[in-house]
Structure formats: C-alpha cells, structure tokens
Amino acid sequence: MVIFKSKTEKELDAVIERLKMNMANNYKDNARDNLKELEIMMDEARSDGKLKGKSMAKYEEILNLFREKMIGYSHKDQKPYWH
C-alpha cells in the first residue's frame, strides 16, 4: 500500500473513481469520456516520465481492464426493450 502518492497518481485515481461511478450508474457516455481522459492522462504521464516502474504498470493494467470492459459499451449497442 502506497501512503504517499504523487499528484499524477492522485489525478489518475480521481478519473478512475469517476469512471467506476459512471459505469455503476450506467452513464455510458460519461464513462466513455472518462476512459478517453484516462488514456490521455496516461499518455502524458508516460511521455513526461511522471510515472515509473510499478506505478506505471499498475495504471496500465487498470487502463487495459477498463478498455476490455468497455468494448461495445455505448447506448448505440443497446437493444431496445420492446423487441
């Protein structure tokens, strides 16, 4: 357990929490926006060297899990209940 997190880690955690909340509440568009935001933040952290080693691996794994969960996760793919 990490007691002291960097500013970047705290920001990533905040986006992840919003993403989880939006998925739990079935706010698909907001969740997809959060995923994009997380991807952008990860790219910036990677290129700026703000995350390294275990921290980078941890957030990469989290990002990949959300990418898998959100395949086909949109209102467009939803079947109407009346069919």
PDB file of N, CA and C in Angstrom:
ATOM      1  N   MET A   1       0.846  -1.187   0.000  1.00  0.00           N
ATOM      2  CA  MET A   1       0.000   0.000   0.000  1.00  0.00           C
ATOM      3  C   MET A   1       0.883   1.240   0.000  1.00  0.00           C
ATOM      4  N   VAL A   2       0.609   2.118  -0.919  1.00  0.00           N
ATOM      5  CA  VAL A   2       1.376   3.343  -1.019  1.00  0.00           C
ATOM      6  C   VAL A   2       0.686   4.422  -0.194  1.00  0.00           C
ATOM      7  N   ILE A   3       1.430   4.997   0.724  1.00  0.00           N
ATOM      8  CA  ILE A   3       0.858   6.032   1.582  1.00  0.00           C
ATOM      9  C   ILE A   3       0.940   7.392   0.892  1.00  0.00           C
ATOM     10  N   PHE A   4       2.078   7.655   0.279  1.00  0.00           N
ATOM     11  CA  PHE A   4       2.287   8.941  -0.368  1.00  0.00           C
ATOM     12  C   PHE A   4       2.203   8.764  -1.878  1.00  0.00           C
ATOM     13  N   LYS A   5       1.181   9.329  -2.458  1.00  0.00           N
ATOM     14  CA  LYS A   5       1.012   9.253  -3.898  1.00  0.00           C
ATOM     15  C   LYS A   5       1.394  10.586  -4.508  1.00  0.00           C
ATOM     16  N   SER A   6       1.902  10.498  -5.726  1.00  0.00           N
ATOM     17  CA  SER A   6       2.247  11.717  -6.443  1.00  0.00           C
ATOM     18  C   SER A   6       0.971  12.418  -6.904  1.00  0.00           C
ATOM     19  N   LYS A   7       1.124  13.643  -7.321  1.00  0.00           N
ATOM     20  CA  LYS A   7      -0.010  14.415  -7.823  1.00  0.00           C
ATOM     21  C   LYS A   7      -0.624  13.706  -9.028  1.00  0.00           C
ATOM     22  N   THR A   8       0.218  13.169  -9.885  1.00  0.00           N
ATOM     23  CA  THR A   8      -0.254  12.460 -11.074  1.00  0.00           C
ATOM     24  C   THR A   8      -1.085  11.242 -10.682  1.00  0.00           C
ATOM     25  N   GLU A   9      -0.616  10.482  -9.701  1.00  0.00           N
ATOM     26  CA  GLU A   9      -1.352   9.303  -9.251  1.00  0.00           C
ATOM     27  C   GLU A   9      -2.698   9.693  -8.653  1.00  0.00           C
ATOM     28  N   LYS A  10      -2.728  10.763  -7.897  1.00  0.00           N
ATOM     29  CA  LYS A  10      -3.993  11.232  -7.317  1.00  0.00           C
ATOM     30  C   LYS A  10      -4.971  11.649  -8.404  1.00  0.00           C
ATOM     31  N   GLU A  11      -4.475  12.315  -9.443  1.00  0.00           N
ATOM     32  CA  GLU A  11      -5.331  12.732 -10.551  1.00  0.00           C
ATOM     33  C   GLU A  11      -5.863  11.527 -11.316  1.00  0.00           C
ATOM     34  N   LEU A  12      -5.007  10.542 -11.548  1.00  0.00           N
ATOM     35  CA  LEU A  12      -5.437   9.322 -12.226  1.00  0.00           C
ATOM     36  C   LEU A  12      -6.487   8.586 -11.391  1.00  0.00           C
ATOM     37  N   ASP A  13      -6.258   8.516 -10.083  1.00  0.00           N
ATOM     38  CA  ASP A  13      -7.217   7.863  -9.192  1.00  0.00           C
ATOM     39  C   ASP A  13      -8.579   8.553  -9.231  1.00  0.00           C
ATOM     40  N   ALA A  14      -8.577   9.872  -9.310  1.00  0.00           N
ATOM     41  CA  ALA A  14      -9.833  10.622  -9.363  1.00  0.00           C
ATOM     42  C   ALA A  14     -10.605  10.291 -10.641  1.00  0.00           C
ATOM     43  N   VAL A  15      -9.911  10.205 -11.764  1.00  0.00           N
ATOM     44  CA  VAL A  15     -10.564   9.857 -13.030  1.00  0.00           C
ATOM     45  C   VAL A  15     -11.090   8.426 -12.971  1.00  0.00           C
ATOM     46  N   ILE A  16     -10.311   7.528 -12.400  1.00  0.00           N
ATOM     47  CA  ILE A  16     -10.733   6.135 -12.275  1.00  0.00           C
ATOM     48  C   ILE A  16     -11.987   6.033 -11.415  1.00  0.00           C
ATOM     49  N   GLU A  17     -12.051   6.778 -10.332  1.00  0.00           N
ATOM     50  CA  GLU A  17     -13.238   6.749  -9.477  1.00  0.00           C
ATOM     51  C   GLU A  17     -14.463   7.287 -10.211  1.00  0.00           C
ATOM     52  N   ARG A  18     -14.286   8.370 -10.975  1.00  0.00           N
ATOM     53  CA  ARG A  18     -15.409   8.900 -11.770  1.00  0.00           C
ATOM     54  C   ARG A  18     -15.859   7.872 -12.797  1.00  0.00           C
ATOM     55  N   LEU A  19     -14.898   7.203 -13.420  1.00  0.00           N
ATOM     56  CA  LEU A  19     -15.208   6.183 -14.412  1.00  0.00           C
ATOM     57  C   LEU A  19     -16.005   5.038 -13.780  1.00  0.00           C
ATOM     58  N   LYS A  20     -15.559   4.565 -12.634  1.00  0.00           N
ATOM     59  CA  LYS A  20     -16.274   3.490 -11.934  1.00  0.00           C
ATOM     60  C   LYS A  20     -17.700   3.926 -11.580  1.00  0.00           C
ATOM     61  N   MET A  21     -17.830   5.152 -11.086  1.00  0.00           N
ATOM     62  CA  MET A  21     -19.136   5.661 -10.681  1.00  0.00           C
ATOM     63  C   MET A  21     -20.069   5.771 -11.891  1.00  0.00           C
ATOM     64  N   ASN A  22     -19.562   6.290 -12.982  1.00  0.00           N
ATOM     65  CA  ASN A  22     -20.391   6.424 -14.170  1.00  0.00           C
ATOM     66  C   ASN A  22     -20.786   5.067 -14.744  1.00  0.00           C
ATOM     67  N   MET A  23     -19.887   4.094 -14.684  1.00  0.00           N
ATOM     68  CA  MET A  23     -20.233   2.754 -15.146  1.00  0.00           C
ATOM     69  C   MET A  23     -21.286   2.125 -14.237  1.00  0.00           C
ATOM     70  N   ALA A  24     -21.145   2.312 -12.942  1.00  0.00           N
ATOM     71  CA  ALA A  24     -22.099   1.747 -11.980  1.00  0.00           C
ATOM     72  C   ALA A  24     -23.492   2.341 -12.159  1.00  0.00           C
ATOM     73  N   ASN A  25     -23.545   3.601 -12.556  1.00  0.00           N
ATOM     74  CA  ASN A  25     -24.825   4.278 -12.746  1.00  0.00           C
ATOM     75  C   ASN A  25     -25.331   4.195 -14.184  1.00  0.00           C
ATOM     76  N   ASN A  26     -24.607   3.440 -15.019  1.00  0.00           N
ATOM     77  CA  ASN A  26     -24.971   3.238 -16.418  1.00  0.00           C
ATOM     78  C   ASN A  26     -24.961   4.539 -17.229  1.00  0.00           C
ATOM     79  N   TYR A  27     -24.079   5.455 -16.850  1.00  0.00           N
ATOM     80  CA  TYR A  27     -23.892   6.683 -17.607  1.00  0.00           C
ATOM     81  C   TYR A  27     -22.816   6.409 -18.656  1.00  0.00           C
ATOM     82  N   LYS A  28     -23.219   5.779 -19.742  1.00  0.00           N
ATOM     83  CA  LYS A  28     -22.277   5.248 -20.720  1.00  0.00           C
ATOM     84  C   LYS A  28     -21.459   6.339 -21.412  1.00  0.00           C
ATOM     85  N   ASP A  29     -22.091   7.411 -21.811  1.00  0.00           N
ATOM     86  CA  ASP A  29     -21.355   8.480 -22.495  1.00  0.00           C
ATOM     87  C   ASP A  29     -20.314   9.097 -21.571  1.00  0.00           C
ATOM     88  N   ASN A  30     -20.687   9.340 -20.334  1.00  0.00           N
ATOM     89  CA  ASN A  30     -19.740   9.908 -19.371  1.00  0.00           C
ATOM     90  C   ASN A  30     -18.597   8.940 -19.095  1.00  0.00           C
ATOM     91  N   ALA A  31     -18.911   7.667 -18.984  1.00  0.00           N
ATOM     92  CA  ALA A  31     -17.877   6.659 -18.743  1.00  0.00           C
ATOM     93  C   ALA A  31     -16.904   6.606 -19.909  1.00  0.00           C
ATOM     94  N   ARG A  32     -17.407   6.685 -21.129  1.00  0.00           N
ATOM     95  CA  ARG A  32     -16.521   6.677 -22.312  1.00  0.00           C
ATOM     96  C   ARG A  32     -15.634   7.928 -22.318  1.00  0.00           C
ATOM     97  N   ASP A  33     -16.191   9.067 -21.915  1.00  0.00           N
ATOM     98  CA  ASP A  33     -15.397  10.299 -21.807  1.00  0.00           C
ATOM     99  C   ASP A  33     -14.304  10.140 -20.749  1.00  0.00           C
ATOM    100  N   ASN A  34     -14.644   9.510 -19.621  1.00  0.00           N
ATOM    101  CA  ASN A  34     -13.655   9.273 -18.573  1.00  0.00           C
ATOM    102  C   ASN A  34     -12.540   8.354 -19.061  1.00  0.00           C
ATOM    103  N   LEU A  35     -12.888   7.349 -19.843  1.00  0.00           N
ATOM    104  CA  LEU A  35     -11.876   6.441 -20.383  1.00  0.00           C
ATOM    105  C   LEU A  35     -10.919   7.197 -21.302  1.00  0.00           C
ATOM    106  N   LYS A  36     -11.465   8.057 -22.153  1.00  0.00           N
ATOM    107  CA  LYS A  36     -10.612   8.867 -23.029  1.00  0.00           C
ATOM    108  C   LYS A  36      -9.700   9.774 -22.211  1.00  0.00           C
ATOM    109  N   GLU A  37     -10.258  10.382 -21.180  1.00  0.00           N
ATOM    110  CA  GLU A  37      -9.481  11.252 -20.302  1.00  0.00           C
ATOM    111  C   GLU A  37      -8.347  10.466 -19.635  1.00  0.00           C
ATOM    112  N   LEU A  38      -8.651   9.262 -19.173  1.00  0.00           N
ATOM    113  CA  LEU A  38      -7.649   8.409 -18.540  1.00  0.00           C
ATOM    114  C   LEU A  38      -6.547   8.042 -19.538  1.00  0.00           C
ATOM    115  N   GLU A  39      -6.924   7.717 -20.764  1.00  0.00           N
ATOM    116  CA  GLU A  39      -5.936   7.384 -21.792  1.00  0.00           C
ATOM    117  C   GLU A  39      -5.006   8.563 -22.078  1.00  0.00           C
ATOM    118  N   ILE A  40      -5.571   9.743 -22.186  1.00  0.00           N
ATOM    119  CA  ILE A  40      -4.768  10.949 -22.442  1.00  0.00           C
ATOM    120  C   ILE A  40      -3.820  11.224 -21.283  1.00  0.00           C
ATOM    121  N   MET A  41      -4.343  11.129 -20.066  1.00  0.00           N
ATOM    122  CA  MET A  41      -3.501  11.371 -18.889  1.00  0.00           C
ATOM    123  C   MET A  41      -2.371  10.353 -18.794  1.00  0.00           C
ATOM    124  N   MET A  42      -2.661   9.101 -19.130  1.00  0.00           N
ATOM    125  CA  MET A  42      -1.624   8.064 -19.099  1.00  0.00           C
ATOM    126  C   MET A  42      -0.549   8.345 -20.150  1.00  0.00           C
ATOM    127  N   ASP A  43      -0.977   8.749 -21.338  1.00  0.00           N
ATOM    128  CA  ASP A  43      -0.007   9.086 -22.395  1.00  0.00           C
ATOM    129  C   ASP A  43       0.899  10.227 -21.956  1.00  0.00           C
ATOM    130  N   GLU A  44       0.297  11.257 -21.351  1.00  0.00           N
ATOM    131  CA  GLU A  44       1.086  12.400 -20.884  1.00  0.00           C
ATOM    132  C   GLU A  44       2.046  11.987 -19.765  1.00  0.00           C
ATOM    133  N   ALA A  45       1.566  11.183 -18.831  1.00  0.00           N
ATOM    134  CA  ALA A  45       2.413  10.735 -17.715  1.00  0.00           C
ATOM    135  C   ALA A  45       3.570   9.887 -18.235  1.00  0.00           C
ATOM    136  N   ARG A  46       3.289   9.066 -19.241  1.00  0.00           N
ATOM    137  CA  ARG A  46       4.320   8.218 -19.837  1.00  0.00           C
ATOM    138  C   ARG A  46       5.366   9.070 -20.551  1.00  0.00           C
ATOM    139  N   SER A  47       4.920  10.013 -21.350  1.00  0.00           N
ATOM    140  CA  SER A  47       5.857  10.826 -22.128  1.00  0.00           C
ATOM    141  C   SER A  47       6.640  11.811 -21.257  1.00  0.00           C
ATOM    142  N   ASP A  48       6.023  12.292 -20.176  1.00  0.00           N
ATOM    143  CA  ASP A  48       6.695  13.235 -19.280  1.00  0.00           C
ATOM    144  C   ASP A  48       7.539  12.545 -18.216  1.00  0.00           C
ATOM    145  N   GLY A  49       7.411  11.224 -18.113  1.00  0.00           N
ATOM    146  CA  GLY A  49       8.156  10.480 -17.108  1.00  0.00           C
ATOM    147  C   GLY A  49       7.643  10.688 -15.690  1.00  0.00           C
ATOM    148  N   LYS A  50       6.367  11.031 -15.557  1.00  0.00           N
ATOM    149  CA  LYS A  50       5.801  11.286 -14.225  1.00  0.00           C
ATOM    150  C   LYS A  50       5.479  10.002 -13.474  1.00  0.00           C
ATOM    151  N   LEU A  51       5.304   8.906 -14.202  1.00  0.00           N
ATOM    152  CA  LEU A  51       5.058   7.607 -13.584  1.00  0.00           C
ATOM    153  C   LEU A  51       6.140   6.648 -14.044  1.00  0.00           C
ATOM    154  N   LYS A  52       6.614   5.837 -13.127  1.00  0.00           N
ATOM    155  CA  LYS A  52       7.677   4.905 -13.466  1.00  0.00           C
ATOM    156  C   LYS A  52       7.441   3.581 -12.770  1.00  0.00           C
ATOM    157  N   GLY A  53       8.035   2.554 -13.307  1.00  0.00           N
ATOM    158  CA  GLY A  53       8.084   1.253 -12.673  1.00  0.00           C
ATOM    159  C   GLY A  53       6.747   0.663 -12.306  1.00  0.00           C
ATOM    160  N   LYS A  54       6.609   0.321 -11.031  1.00  0.00           N
ATOM    161  CA  LYS A  54       5.405  -0.357 -10.537  1.00  0.00           C
ATOM    162  C   LYS A  54       4.155   0.502 -10.698  1.00  0.00           C
ATOM    163  N   SER A  55       4.301   1.805 -10.486  1.00  0.00           N
ATOM    164  CA  SER A  55       3.137   2.692 -10.630  1.00  0.00           C
ATOM    165  C   SER A  55       2.627   2.692 -12.061  1.00  0.00           C
ATOM    166  N   MET A  56       3.530   2.782 -13.012  1.00  0.00           N
ATOM    167  CA  MET A  56       3.129   2.781 -14.420  1.00  0.00           C
ATOM    168  C   MET A  56       2.465   1.451 -14.763  1.00  0.00           C
ATOM    169  N   ALA A  57       3.049   0.351 -14.312  1.00  0.00           N
ATOM    170  CA  ALA A  57       2.487  -0.971 -14.601  1.00  0.00           C
ATOM    171  C   ALA A  57       1.089  -1.109 -14.005  1.00  0.00           C
ATOM    172  N   LYS A  58       0.902  -0.593 -12.790  1.00  0.00           N
ATOM    173  CA  LYS A  58      -0.399  -0.673 -12.114  1.00  0.00           C
ATOM    174  C   LYS A  58      -1.467   0.070 -12.914  1.00  0.00           C
ATOM    175  N   TYR A  59      -1.166   1.304 -13.315  1.00  0.00           N
ATOM    176  CA  TYR A  59      -2.156   2.097 -14.041  1.00  0.00           C
ATOM    177  C   TYR A  59      -2.370   1.583 -15.464  1.00  0.00           C
ATOM    178  N   GLU A  60      -1.348   1.015 -16.076  1.00  0.00           N
ATOM    179  CA  GLU A  60      -1.507   0.399 -17.398  1.00  0.00           C
ATOM    180  C   GLU A  60      -2.473  -0.781 -17.304  1.00  0.00           C
ATOM    181  N   GLU A  61      -2.333  -1.576 -16.260  1.00  0.00           N
ATOM    182  CA  GLU A  61      -3.215  -2.724 -16.066  1.00  0.00           C
ATOM    183  C   GLU A  61      -4.654  -2.269 -15.854  1.00  0.00           C
ATOM    184  N   ILE A  62      -4.842  -1.248 -15.034  1.00  0.00           N
ATOM    185  CA  ILE A  62      -6.186  -0.704 -14.786  1.00  0.00           C
ATOM    186  C   ILE A  62      -6.790  -0.190 -16.095  1.00  0.00           C
ATOM    187  N   LEU A  63      -6.011   0.557 -16.861  1.00  0.00           N
ATOM    188  CA  LEU A  63      -6.485   1.095 -18.135  1.00  0.00           C
ATOM    189  C   LEU A  63      -6.891  -0.037 -19.077  1.00  0.00           C
ATOM    190  N   ASN A  64      -6.079  -1.062 -19.174  1.00  0.00           N
ATOM    191  CA  ASN A  64      -6.392  -2.186 -20.056  1.00  0.00           C
ATOM    192  C   ASN A  64      -7.661  -2.922 -19.614  1.00  0.00           C
ATOM    193  N   LEU A  65      -7.869  -3.057 -18.312  1.00  0.00           N
ATOM    194  CA  LEU A  65      -9.088  -3.698 -17.810  1.00  0.00           C
ATOM    195  C   LEU A  65     -10.331  -2.894 -18.200  1.00  0.00           C
ATOM    196  N   PHE A  66     -10.245  -1.571 -18.067  1.00  0.00           N
ATOM    197  CA  PHE A  66     -11.381  -0.741 -18.458  1.00  0.00           C
ATOM    198  C   PHE A  66     -11.606  -0.779 -19.964  1.00  0.00           C
ATOM    199  N   ARG A  67     -10.546  -0.810 -20.734  1.00  0.00           N
ATOM    200  CA  ARG A  67     -10.709  -0.918 -22.193  1.00  0.00           C
ATOM    201  C   ARG A  67     -11.465  -2.188 -22.554  1.00  0.00           C
ATOM    202  N   GLU A  68     -11.114  -3.304 -21.920  1.00  0.00           N
ATOM    203  CA  GLU A  68     -11.788  -4.571 -22.188  1.00  0.00           C
ATOM    204  C   GLU A  68     -13.251  -4.516 -21.765  1.00  0.00           C
ATOM    205  N   LYS A  69     -13.519  -3.972 -20.583  1.00  0.00           N
ATOM    206  CA  LYS A  69     -14.886  -3.895 -20.077  1.00  0.00           C
ATOM    207  C   LYS A  69     -15.766  -3.032 -20.974  1.00  0.00           C
ATOM    208  N   MET A  70     -15.175  -2.036 -21.613  1.00  0.00           N
ATOM    209  CA  MET A  70     -15.978  -1.060 -22.341  1.00  0.00           C
ATOM    210  C   MET A  70     -16.069  -1.344 -23.838  1.00  0.00           C
ATOM    211  N   ILE A  71     -15.620  -2.502 -24.266  1.00  0.00           N
ATOM    212  CA  ILE A  71     -15.811  -2.876 -25.666  1.00  0.00           C
ATOM    213  C   ILE A  71     -17.309  -3.033 -25.892  1.00  0.00           C
ATOM    214  N   GLY A  72     -17.846  -2.280 -26.839  1.00  0.00           N
ATOM    215  CA  GLY A  72     -19.275  -2.320 -27.114  1.00  0.00           C
ATOM    216  C   GLY A  72     -20.126  -1.651 -26.051  1.00  0.00           C
ATOM    217  N   TYR A  73     -19.507  -0.842 -25.189  1.00  0.00           N
ATOM    218  CA  TYR A  73     -20.221  -0.196 -24.086  1.00  0.00           C
ATOM    219  C   TYR A  73     -20.684   1.184 -24.531  1.00  0.00           C
ATOM    220  N   SER A  74     -21.863   1.233 -25.144  1.00  0.00           N
ATOM    221  CA  SER A  74     -22.443   2.516 -25.542  1.00  0.00           C
ATOM    222  C   SER A  74     -23.946   2.346 -25.697  1.00  0.00           C
ATOM    223  N   HIS A  75     -24.626   3.436 -25.779  1.00  0.00           N
ATOM    224  CA  HIS A  75     -26.074   3.394 -25.950  1.00  0.00           C
ATOM    225  C   HIS A  75     -26.436   2.891 -27.340  1.00  0.00           C
ATOM    226  N   LYS A  76     -25.563   3.081 -28.299  1.00  0.00           N
ATOM    227  CA  LYS A  76     -25.830   2.640 -29.668  1.00  0.00           C
ATOM    228  C   LYS A  76     -25.962   1.124 -29.751  1.00  0.00           C
ATOM    229  N   ASP A  77     -25.205   0.411 -28.921  1.00  0.00           N
ATOM    230  CA  ASP A  77     -25.207  -1.047 -28.954  1.00  0.00           C
ATOM    231  C   ASP A  77     -26.331  -1.657 -28.124  1.00  0.00           C
ATOM    232  N   GLN A  78     -27.077  -0.832 -27.451  1.00  0.00           N
ATOM    233  CA  GLN A  78     -28.131  -1.297 -26.559  1.00  0.00           C
ATOM    234  C   GLN A  78     -29.358  -1.695 -27.373  1.00  0.00           C
ATOM    235  N   LYS A  79     -29.900  -2.847 -27.084  1.00  0.00           N
ATOM    236  CA  LYS A  79     -31.107  -3.316 -27.776  1.00  0.00           C
ATOM    237  C   LYS A  79     -32.322  -2.672 -27.128  1.00  0.00           C
ATOM    238  N   PRO A  80     -33.261  -2.233 -27.939  1.00  0.00           N
ATOM    239  CA  PRO A  80     -34.490  -1.678 -27.360  1.00  0.00           C
ATOM    240  C   PRO A  80     -35.253  -2.779 -26.623  1.00  0.00           C
ATOM    241  N   TYR A  81     -35.853  -2.421 -25.508  1.00  0.00           N
ATOM    242  CA  TYR A  81     -36.527  -3.404 -24.670  1.00  0.00           C
ATOM    243  C   TYR A  81     -37.823  -3.912 -25.294  1.00  0.00           C
ATOM    244  N   TRP A  82     -38.362  -3.214 -26.285  1.00  0.00           N
ATOM    245  CA  TRP A  82     -39.645  -3.602 -26.857  1.00  0.00           C
ATOM    246  C   TRP A  82     -39.507  -4.639 -27.968  1.00  0.00           C
ATOM    247  N   HIS A  83     -38.300  -5.032 -28.323  1.00  0.00           N
ATOM    248  CA  HIS A  83     -38.120  -6.061 -29.369  1.00  0.00           C
ATOM    249  C   HIS A  83     -38.050  -7.416 -28.767  1.00  0.00           C
TER     250      HIS A  83
END
